[in-house]
PDB file of N, CA and C in Angstrom:
ATOM      1  N   MET A   1      75.489  55.859 140.988  1.00  0.00           N
ATOM      2  CA  MET A   1      75.518  56.144 139.592  1.00  0.00           C
ATOM      3  C   MET A   1      75.745  57.600 139.189  1.00  0.00           C
ATOM      4  N   GLY A   2      74.878  58.261 139.898  1.00  0.00           N
ATOM      5  CA  GLY A   2      74.879  59.776 139.564  1.00  0.00           C
ATOM      6  C   GLY A   2      76.447  60.451 139.884  1.00  0.00           C
ATOM      7  N   ASP A   3      76.945  59.951 140.993  1.00  0.00           N
ATOM      8  CA  ASP A   3      78.361  60.577 141.592  1.00  0.00           C
ATOM      9  C   ASP A   3      79.376  60.142 140.556  1.00  0.00           C
ATOM     10  N   ASP A   4      79.307  58.938 139.990  1.00  0.00           N
ATOM     11  CA  ASP A   4      80.379  58.385 138.972  1.00  0.00           C
ATOM     12  C   ASP A   4      80.338  59.278 137.627  1.00  0.00           C
ATOM     13  N   GLY A   5      79.239  59.864 137.244  1.00  0.00           N
ATOM     14  CA  GLY A   5      79.161  60.685 136.202  1.00  0.00           C
ATOM     15  C   GLY A   5      79.646  61.998 136.348  1.00  0.00           C
ATOM     16  N   ALA A   6      79.460  62.536 137.592  1.00  0.00           N
ATOM     17  CA  ALA A   6      80.072  63.805 137.946  1.00  0.00           C
ATOM     18  C   ALA A   6      81.643  63.747 138.089  1.00  0.00           C
ATOM     19  N   VAL A   7      81.980  62.559 138.525  1.00  0.00           N
ATOM     20  CA  VAL A   7      83.502  62.469 138.733  1.00  0.00           C
ATOM     21  C   VAL A   7      84.182  62.311 137.440  1.00  0.00           C
ATOM     22  N   THR A   8      83.738  61.751 136.487  1.00  0.00           N
ATOM     23  CA  THR A   8      84.239  61.778 135.104  1.00  0.00           C
ATOM     24  C   THR A   8      84.049  62.969 134.229  1.00  0.00           C
ATOM     25  N   LEU A   9      83.178  63.826 134.554  1.00  0.00           N
ATOM     26  CA  LEU A   9      83.012  65.005 133.891  1.00  0.00           C
ATOM     27  C   LEU A   9      83.893  66.027 134.610  1.00  0.00           C
ATOM     28  N   LEU A  10      84.306  66.098 135.855  1.00  0.00           N
ATOM     29  CA  LEU A  10      85.011  67.019 136.516  1.00  0.00           C
ATOM     30  C   LEU A  10      86.282  67.250 135.875  1.00  0.00           C
ATOM     31  N   PRO A  11      87.110  66.224 135.427  1.00  0.00           N
ATOM     32  CA  PRO A  11      88.279  66.628 134.721  1.00  0.00           C
ATOM     33  C   PRO A  11      88.197  67.068 133.339  1.00  0.00           C
ATOM     34  N   LEU A  12      87.108  66.530 132.712  1.00  0.00           N
ATOM     35  CA  LEU A  12      86.832  67.283 131.428  1.00  0.00           C
ATOM     36  C   LEU A  12      86.533  68.796 131.521  1.00  0.00           C
ATOM     37  N   ALA A  13      85.686  69.107 132.446  1.00  0.00           N
ATOM     38  CA  ALA A  13      85.353  70.505 132.831  1.00  0.00           C
ATOM     39  C   ALA A  13      86.502  71.258 132.987  1.00  0.00           C
ATOM     40  N   LEU A  14      87.530  70.726 133.861  1.00  0.00           N
ATOM     41  CA  LEU A  14      88.642  71.612 134.160  1.00  0.00           C
ATOM     42  C   LEU A  14      89.722  71.436 133.171  1.00  0.00           C
ATOM     43  N   LEU A  15      89.731  70.602 132.260  1.00  0.00           N
ATOM     44  CA  LEU A  15      90.627  70.679 131.235  1.00  0.00           C
ATOM     45  C   LEU A  15      90.394  71.367 129.969  1.00  0.00           C
ATOM     46  N   LEU A  16      88.960  71.346 129.816  1.00  0.00           N
ATOM     47  CA  LEU A  16      88.543  72.226 128.663  1.00  0.00           C
ATOM     48  C   LEU A  16      89.043  73.789 128.380  1.00  0.00           C
ATOM     49  N   PRO A  17      88.945  74.499 129.511  1.00  0.00           N
ATOM     50  CA  PRO A  17      89.372  75.690 129.496  1.00  0.00           C
ATOM     51  C   PRO A  17      90.844  76.030 129.262  1.00  0.00           C
ATOM     52  N   LEU A  18      91.645  75.099 129.796  1.00  0.00           N
ATOM     53  CA  LEU A  18      93.165  75.010 129.535  1.00  0.00           C
ATOM     54  C   LEU A  18      93.469  74.655 128.189  1.00  0.00           C
ATOM     55  N   LEU A  19      92.612  73.660 127.495  1.00  0.00           N
ATOM     56  CA  LEU A  19      92.836  73.329 126.131  1.00  0.00           C
ATOM     57  C   LEU A  19      92.452  74.647 125.177  1.00  0.00           C
ATOM     58  N   LEU A  20      91.447  75.349 125.511  1.00  0.00           N
ATOM     59  CA  LEU A  20      91.020  76.438 124.675  1.00  0.00           C
ATOM     60  C   LEU A  20      92.175  77.565 124.808  1.00  0.00           C
ATOM     61  N   LEU A  21      92.670  77.838 125.930  1.00  0.00           N
ATOM     62  CA  LEU A  21      93.829  78.739 126.159  1.00  0.00           C
ATOM     63  C   LEU A  21      95.057  78.362 125.391  1.00  0.00           C
ATOM     64  N   LEU A  22      95.266  77.070 125.351  1.00  0.00           N
ATOM     65  CA  LEU A  22      96.548  76.617 124.553  1.00  0.00           C
ATOM     66  C   LEU A  22      96.352  76.935 123.175  1.00  0.00           C
ATOM     67  N   LEU A  23      95.079  76.661 122.689  1.00  0.00           N
ATOM     68  CA  LEU A  23      94.699  76.766 121.135  1.00  0.00           C
ATOM     69  C   LEU A  23      94.818  78.184 120.911  1.00  0.00           C
ATOM     70  N   MET A  24      94.429  79.151 121.837  1.00  0.00           N
ATOM     71  CA  MET A  24      94.349  80.473 121.539  1.00  0.00           C
ATOM     72  C   MET A  24      95.777  80.997 121.353  1.00  0.00           C
ATOM     73  N   LEU A  25      96.539  80.611 122.393  1.00  0.00           N
ATOM     74  CA  LEU A  25      98.045  81.002 122.337  1.00  0.00           C
ATOM     75  C   LEU A  25      98.757  80.536 121.059  1.00  0.00           C
ATOM     76  N   GLY A  26      98.366  79.435 120.636  1.00  0.00           N
ATOM     77  CA  GLY A  26      99.007  78.765 119.510  1.00  0.00           C
ATOM     78  C   GLY A  26      98.604  79.643 118.317  1.00  0.00           C
ATOM     79  N   MET A  27      97.274  79.893 118.139  1.00  0.00           N
ATOM     80  CA  MET A  27      96.691  80.871 116.981  1.00  0.00           C
ATOM     81  C   MET A  27      97.373  82.112 116.929  1.00  0.00           C
ATOM     82  N   GLU A  28      97.646  82.682 118.181  1.00  0.00           N
ATOM     83  CA  GLU A  28      98.239  84.045 118.239  1.00  0.00           C
ATOM     84  C   GLU A  28      99.778  84.138 117.556  1.00  0.00           C
ATOM     85  N   ARG A  29     100.302  82.920 117.843  1.00  0.00           N
ATOM     86  CA  ARG A  29     101.793  82.690 117.348  1.00  0.00           C
ATOM     87  C   ARG A  29     101.803  82.756 115.924  1.00  0.00           C
ATOM     88  N   VAL A  30     100.712  81.877 115.237  1.00  0.00           N
ATOM     89  CA  VAL A  30     100.603  81.853 113.842  1.00  0.00           C
ATOM     90  C   VAL A  30     100.172  83.221 113.223  1.00  0.00           C
ATOM     91  N   GLU A  31      99.187  83.941 113.917  1.00  0.00           N
ATOM     92  CA  GLU A  31      98.604  85.158 113.334  1.00  0.00           C
ATOM     93  C   GLU A  31      99.450  86.333 113.399  1.00  0.00           C
ATOM     94  N   GLY A  32     100.385  86.504 114.421  1.00  0.00           N
ATOM     95  CA  GLY A  32     101.196  87.525 114.705  1.00  0.00           C
ATOM     96  C   GLY A  32     101.954  87.888 113.512  1.00  0.00           C
ATOM     97  N   PRO A  33     102.861  87.057 112.836  1.00  0.00           N
ATOM     98  CA  PRO A  33     103.623  87.621 111.663  1.00  0.00           C
ATOM     99  C   PRO A  33     102.759  87.902 110.559  1.00  0.00           C
ATOM    100  N   LEU A  34     101.688  87.310 110.381  1.00  0.00           N
ATOM    101  CA  LEU A  34     100.699  87.650 109.165  1.00  0.00           C
ATOM    102  C   LEU A  34     100.308  89.074 109.320  1.00  0.00           C
ATOM    103  N   ARG A  35      99.850  89.485 110.732  1.00  0.00           N
ATOM    104  CA  ARG A  35      99.311  90.779 110.774  1.00  0.00           C
ATOM    105  C   ARG A  35     100.331  91.805 110.521  1.00  0.00           C
ATOM    106  N   GLU A  36     101.674  91.529 111.019  1.00  0.00           N
ATOM    107  CA  GLU A  36     102.623  92.540 111.027  1.00  0.00           C
ATOM    108  C   GLU A  36     103.087  92.827 109.500  1.00  0.00           C
ATOM    109  N   ASP A  37     103.015  91.940 108.534  1.00  0.00           N
ATOM    110  CA  ASP A  37     103.421  91.994 107.295  1.00  0.00           C
ATOM    111  C   ASP A  37     102.392  92.830 106.596  1.00  0.00           C
ATOM    112  N   ALA A  38     101.178  92.657 106.729  1.00  0.00           N
ATOM    113  CA  ALA A  38      99.959  93.293 106.234  1.00  0.00           C
ATOM    114  C   ALA A  38     100.223  94.920 106.672  1.00  0.00           C
ATOM    115  N   VAL A  39     100.417  95.006 107.854  1.00  0.00           N
ATOM    116  CA  VAL A  39     100.389  96.470 108.386  1.00  0.00           C
ATOM    117  C   VAL A  39     101.675  97.207 107.688  1.00  0.00           C
ATOM    118  N   THR A  40     102.817  96.621 107.522  1.00  0.00           N
ATOM    119  CA  THR A  40     104.101  97.074 106.950  1.00  0.00           C
ATOM    120  C   THR A  40     103.749  97.436 105.416  1.00  0.00           C
ATOM    121  N   GLU A  41     103.058  96.694 104.764  1.00  0.00           N
ATOM    122  CA  GLU A  41     102.830  96.859 103.336  1.00  0.00           C
ATOM    123  C   GLU A  41     101.648  98.038 103.235  1.00  0.00           C
ATOM    124  N   GLN A  42     100.676  98.167 104.149  1.00  0.00           N
ATOM    125  CA  GLN A  42      99.821  99.331 104.174  1.00  0.00           C
ATOM    126  C   GLN A  42     100.595 100.570 104.434  1.00  0.00           C
ATOM    127  N   LEU A  43     101.475 100.417 105.309  1.00  0.00           N
ATOM    128  CA  LEU A  43     102.101 101.645 105.895  1.00  0.00           C
ATOM    129  C   LEU A  43     103.011 102.316 104.735  1.00  0.00           C
ATOM    130  N   GLU A  44     103.838 101.291 104.102  1.00  0.00           N
ATOM    131  CA  GLU A  44     104.618 101.723 102.824  1.00  0.00           C
ATOM    132  C   GLU A  44     103.722 102.426 101.774  1.00  0.00           C
ATOM    133  N   SER A  45     102.604 101.963 101.425  1.00  0.00           N
ATOM    134  CA  SER A  45     101.782 102.481 100.470  1.00  0.00           C
ATOM    135  C   SER A  45     101.216 103.745 100.789  1.00  0.00           C
ATOM    136  N   PHE A  46     100.955 103.927 102.169  1.00  0.00           N
ATOM    137  CA  PHE A  46     100.284 105.196 102.705  1.00  0.00           C
ATOM    138  C   PHE A  46     101.480 106.197 102.582  1.00  0.00           C
ATOM    139  N   LEU A  47     102.639 105.951 103.037  1.00  0.00           N
ATOM    140  CA  LEU A  47     103.638 106.787 103.154  1.00  0.00           C
ATOM    141  C   LEU A  47     104.020 107.352 101.706  1.00  0.00           C
ATOM    142  N   ASP A  48     103.921 106.386 100.836  1.00  0.00           N
ATOM    143  CA  ASP A  48     104.374 106.717  99.328  1.00  0.00           C
ATOM    144  C   ASP A  48     103.438 107.873  98.669  1.00  0.00           C
ATOM    145  N   SER A  49     102.077 107.795  99.179  1.00  0.00           N
ATOM    146  CA  SER A  49     101.239 108.703  98.390  1.00  0.00           C
ATOM    147  C   SER A  49     100.281 109.433  99.352  1.00  0.00           C
ATOM    148  N   ALA A  50     100.807 109.661 100.561  1.00  0.00           N
ATOM    149  CA  ALA A  50      99.946 110.394 101.506  1.00  0.00           C
ATOM    150  C   ALA A  50     100.428 111.966 101.384  1.00  0.00           C
ATOM    151  N   ARG A  51      99.171 112.682 101.609  1.00  0.00           N
ATOM    152  CA  ARG A  51      99.440 114.245 101.677  1.00  0.00           C
ATOM    153  C   ARG A  51     100.128 114.656 103.040  1.00  0.00           C
ATOM    154  N   PRO A  52     100.409 115.924 102.971  1.00  0.00           N
ATOM    155  CA  PRO A  52     101.070 116.327 104.280  1.00  0.00           C
ATOM    156  C   PRO A  52     100.168 116.252 105.398  1.00  0.00           C
ATOM    157  N   ASP A  53      98.876 116.698 105.243  1.00  0.00           N
ATOM    158  CA  ASP A  53      97.953 116.638 106.327  1.00  0.00           C
ATOM    159  C   ASP A  53      97.552 115.209 106.838  1.00  0.00           C
ATOM    160  N   GLU A  54      97.580 114.300 105.937  1.00  0.00           N
ATOM    161  CA  GLU A  54      97.394 112.840 106.403  1.00  0.00           C
ATOM    162  C   GLU A  54      98.684 112.385 107.040  1.00  0.00           C
ATOM    163  N   VAL A  55      99.869 112.812 106.796  1.00  0.00           N
ATOM    164  CA  VAL A  55     101.034 112.401 107.497  1.00  0.00           C
ATOM    165  C   VAL A  55     101.051 113.073 108.963  1.00  0.00           C
ATOM    166  N   GLU A  56     100.516 114.247 108.924  1.00  0.00           N
ATOM    167  CA  GLU A  56     100.355 114.947 110.170  1.00  0.00           C
ATOM    168  C   GLU A  56      99.294 114.283 111.181  1.00  0.00           C
ATOM    169  N   THR A  57      98.444 113.682 110.529  1.00  0.00           N
ATOM    170  CA  THR A  57      97.319 112.905 111.387  1.00  0.00           C
ATOM    171  C   THR A  57      97.932 111.598 111.712  1.00  0.00           C
ATOM    172  N   PHE A  58      98.743 110.977 110.907  1.00  0.00           N
ATOM    173  CA  PHE A  58      99.667 109.852 111.409  1.00  0.00           C
ATOM    174  C   PHE A  58     100.457 110.064 112.540  1.00  0.00           C
ATOM    175  N   VAL A  59     101.169 111.278 112.424  1.00  0.00           N
ATOM    176  CA  VAL A  59     102.036 111.392 113.631  1.00  0.00           C
ATOM    177  C   VAL A  59     101.241 111.723 114.932  1.00  0.00           C
ATOM    178  N   SER A  60     100.331 112.517 114.712  1.00  0.00           N
ATOM    179  CA  SER A  60      99.524 113.011 115.972  1.00  0.00           C
ATOM    180  C   SER A  60      98.462 111.923 116.557  1.00  0.00           C
ATOM    181  N   GLU A  61      97.854 111.306 115.626  1.00  0.00           N
ATOM    182  CA  GLU A  61      96.826 110.443 116.166  1.00  0.00           C
ATOM    183  C   GLU A  61      96.930 108.876 115.923  1.00  0.00           C
ATOM    184  N   GLY A  62      97.971 108.584 115.218  1.00  0.00           N
ATOM    185  CA  GLY A  62      98.315 107.032 114.985  1.00  0.00           C
ATOM    186  C   GLY A  62      97.957 106.758 113.525  1.00  0.00           C
ATOM    187  N   PHE A  63      98.367 105.360 113.314  1.00  0.00           N
ATOM    188  CA  PHE A  63      98.167 104.963 111.879  1.00  0.00           C
ATOM    189  C   PHE A  63      96.846 104.673 111.484  1.00  0.00           C
ATOM    190  N   ALA A  64      95.907 104.190 112.433  1.00  0.00           N
ATOM    191  CA  ALA A  64      94.565 103.801 111.968  1.00  0.00           C
ATOM    192  C   ALA A  64      93.733 105.008 111.463  1.00  0.00           C
ATOM    193  N   PRO A  65      93.589 106.124 112.147  1.00  0.00           N
ATOM    194  CA  PRO A  65      92.910 107.303 111.817  1.00  0.00           C
ATOM    195  C   PRO A  65      93.639 107.816 110.657  1.00  0.00           C
ATOM    196  N   ALA A  66      94.819 107.922 110.414  1.00  0.00           N
ATOM    197  CA  ALA A  66      95.435 108.344 109.254  1.00  0.00           C
ATOM    198  C   ALA A  66      95.114 107.743 107.898  1.00  0.00           C
ATOM    199  N   LEU A  67      95.183 106.350 108.116  1.00  0.00           N
ATOM    200  CA  LEU A  67      94.785 105.448 107.193  1.00  0.00           C
ATOM    201  C   LEU A  67      93.182 105.459 106.662  1.00  0.00           C
ATOM    202  N   ASP A  68      92.485 105.796 107.652  1.00  0.00           N
ATOM    203  CA  ASP A  68      91.003 105.907 107.400  1.00  0.00           C
ATOM    204  C   ASP A  68      90.790 107.246 106.493  1.00  0.00           C
ATOM    205  N   ARG A  69      91.563 108.315 106.834  1.00  0.00           N
ATOM    206  CA  ARG A  69      91.439 109.553 106.172  1.00  0.00           C
ATOM    207  C   ARG A  69      91.967 109.519 104.731  1.00  0.00           C
ATOM    208  N   TYR A  70      92.973 108.786 104.598  1.00  0.00           N
ATOM    209  CA  TYR A  70      93.752 108.496 103.281  1.00  0.00           C
ATOM    210  C   TYR A  70      92.694 107.652 102.319  1.00  0.00           C
ATOM    211  N   TRP A  71      91.963 106.607 102.856  1.00  0.00           N
ATOM    212  CA  TRP A  71      91.180 105.907 102.012  1.00  0.00           C
ATOM    213  C   TRP A  71      89.849 106.670 101.635  1.00  0.00           C
ATOM    214  N   ARG A  72      89.550 107.517 102.689  1.00  0.00           N
ATOM    215  CA  ARG A  72      88.218 108.380 102.334  1.00  0.00           C
ATOM    216  C   ARG A  72      88.570 109.317 101.202  1.00  0.00           C
ATOM    217  N   ARG A  73      89.928 109.939 101.171  1.00  0.00           N
ATOM    218  CA  ARG A  73      90.392 110.829 100.170  1.00  0.00           C
ATOM    219  C   ARG A  73      90.397 110.026  98.744  1.00  0.00           C
ATOM    220  N   ARG A  74      90.867 108.859  98.598  1.00  0.00           N
ATOM    221  CA  ARG A  74      91.008 108.061  97.465  1.00  0.00           C
ATOM    222  C   ARG A  74      89.682 107.697  96.990  1.00  0.00           C
ATOM    223  N   ARG A  75      88.478 107.416  97.884  1.00  0.00           N
ATOM    224  CA  ARG A  75      87.301 107.168  97.335  1.00  0.00           C
ATOM    225  C   ARG A  75      86.615 108.192  96.743  1.00  0.00           C
ATOM    226  N   LEU A  76      86.820 109.452  97.554  1.00  0.00           N
ATOM    227  CA  LEU A  76      86.145 110.630  97.054  1.00  0.00           C
ATOM    228  C   LEU A  76      86.754 111.060  95.739  1.00  0.00           C
ATOM    229  N   GLY A  77      88.187 110.796  95.528  1.00  0.00           N
ATOM    230  CA  GLY A  77      88.640 111.138  94.341  1.00  0.00           C
ATOM    231  C   GLY A  77      88.134 110.384  93.116  1.00  0.00           C
ATOM    232  N   ARG A  78      87.777 109.207  93.356  1.00  0.00           N
ATOM    233  CA  ARG A  78      87.234 108.403  92.350  1.00  0.00           C
ATOM    234  C   ARG A  78      85.815 108.795  92.117  1.00  0.00           C
ATOM    235  N   LEU A  79      85.058 109.331  92.926  1.00  0.00           N
ATOM    236  CA  LEU A  79      83.655 109.611  92.770  1.00  0.00           C
ATOM    237  C   LEU A  79      83.560 111.022  92.171  1.00  0.00           C
ATOM    238  N   LEU A  80      84.495 111.866  92.296  1.00  0.00           N
ATOM    239  CA  LEU A  80      84.359 113.255  91.700  1.00  0.00           C
ATOM    240  C   LEU A  80      84.681 113.265  90.152  1.00  0.00           C
ATOM    241  N   PRO A  81      83.673 113.813  89.387  1.00  0.00           N
ATOM    242  CA  PRO A  81      83.920 113.971  87.890  1.00  0.00           C
ATOM    243  C   PRO A  81      85.160 114.788  87.524  1.00  0.00           C
ATOM    244  N   GLY A  82      85.766 114.292  86.503  1.00  0.00           N
ATOM    245  CA  GLY A  82      86.908 115.237  85.966  1.00  0.00           C
ATOM    246  C   GLY A  82      88.186 114.847  86.703  1.00  0.00           C
ATOM    247  N   ARG A  83      88.220 114.022  87.593  1.00  0.00           N
ATOM    248  CA  ARG A  83      89.503 113.576  88.284  1.00  0.00           C
ATOM    249  C   ARG A  83      89.869 112.156  87.776  1.00  0.00           C
ATOM    250  N   SER A  84      91.082 112.204  87.385  1.00  0.00           N
ATOM    251  CA  SER A  84      91.576 110.808  86.791  1.00  0.00           C
ATOM    252  C   SER A  84      92.585 110.230  87.817  1.00  0.00           C
ATOM    253  N   ARG A  85      92.235 109.008  88.317  1.00  0.00           N
ATOM    254  CA  ARG A  85      92.942 108.350  89.229  1.00  0.00           C
ATOM    255  C   ARG A  85      92.836 106.791  89.017  1.00  0.00           C
TER     256      ARG A  85
END
């Protein structure tokens, strides 16, 4: 009786990781286009209103550090008195 249970669980134990892998690959195909559109929109808005030093950061360090610097400047601009944005 104990061997029969192990024999029936063995295919399930071998099949479960394959099913998870297929699910992950399917989700990547769904998520990929969504991620690209969001980055394109952020890049367009960044390049429209970025300062020269932020564009230089984009060229030298990549998009993520430049976008972080841009958003820090925008938050700081809203916090400083006398600046209208």
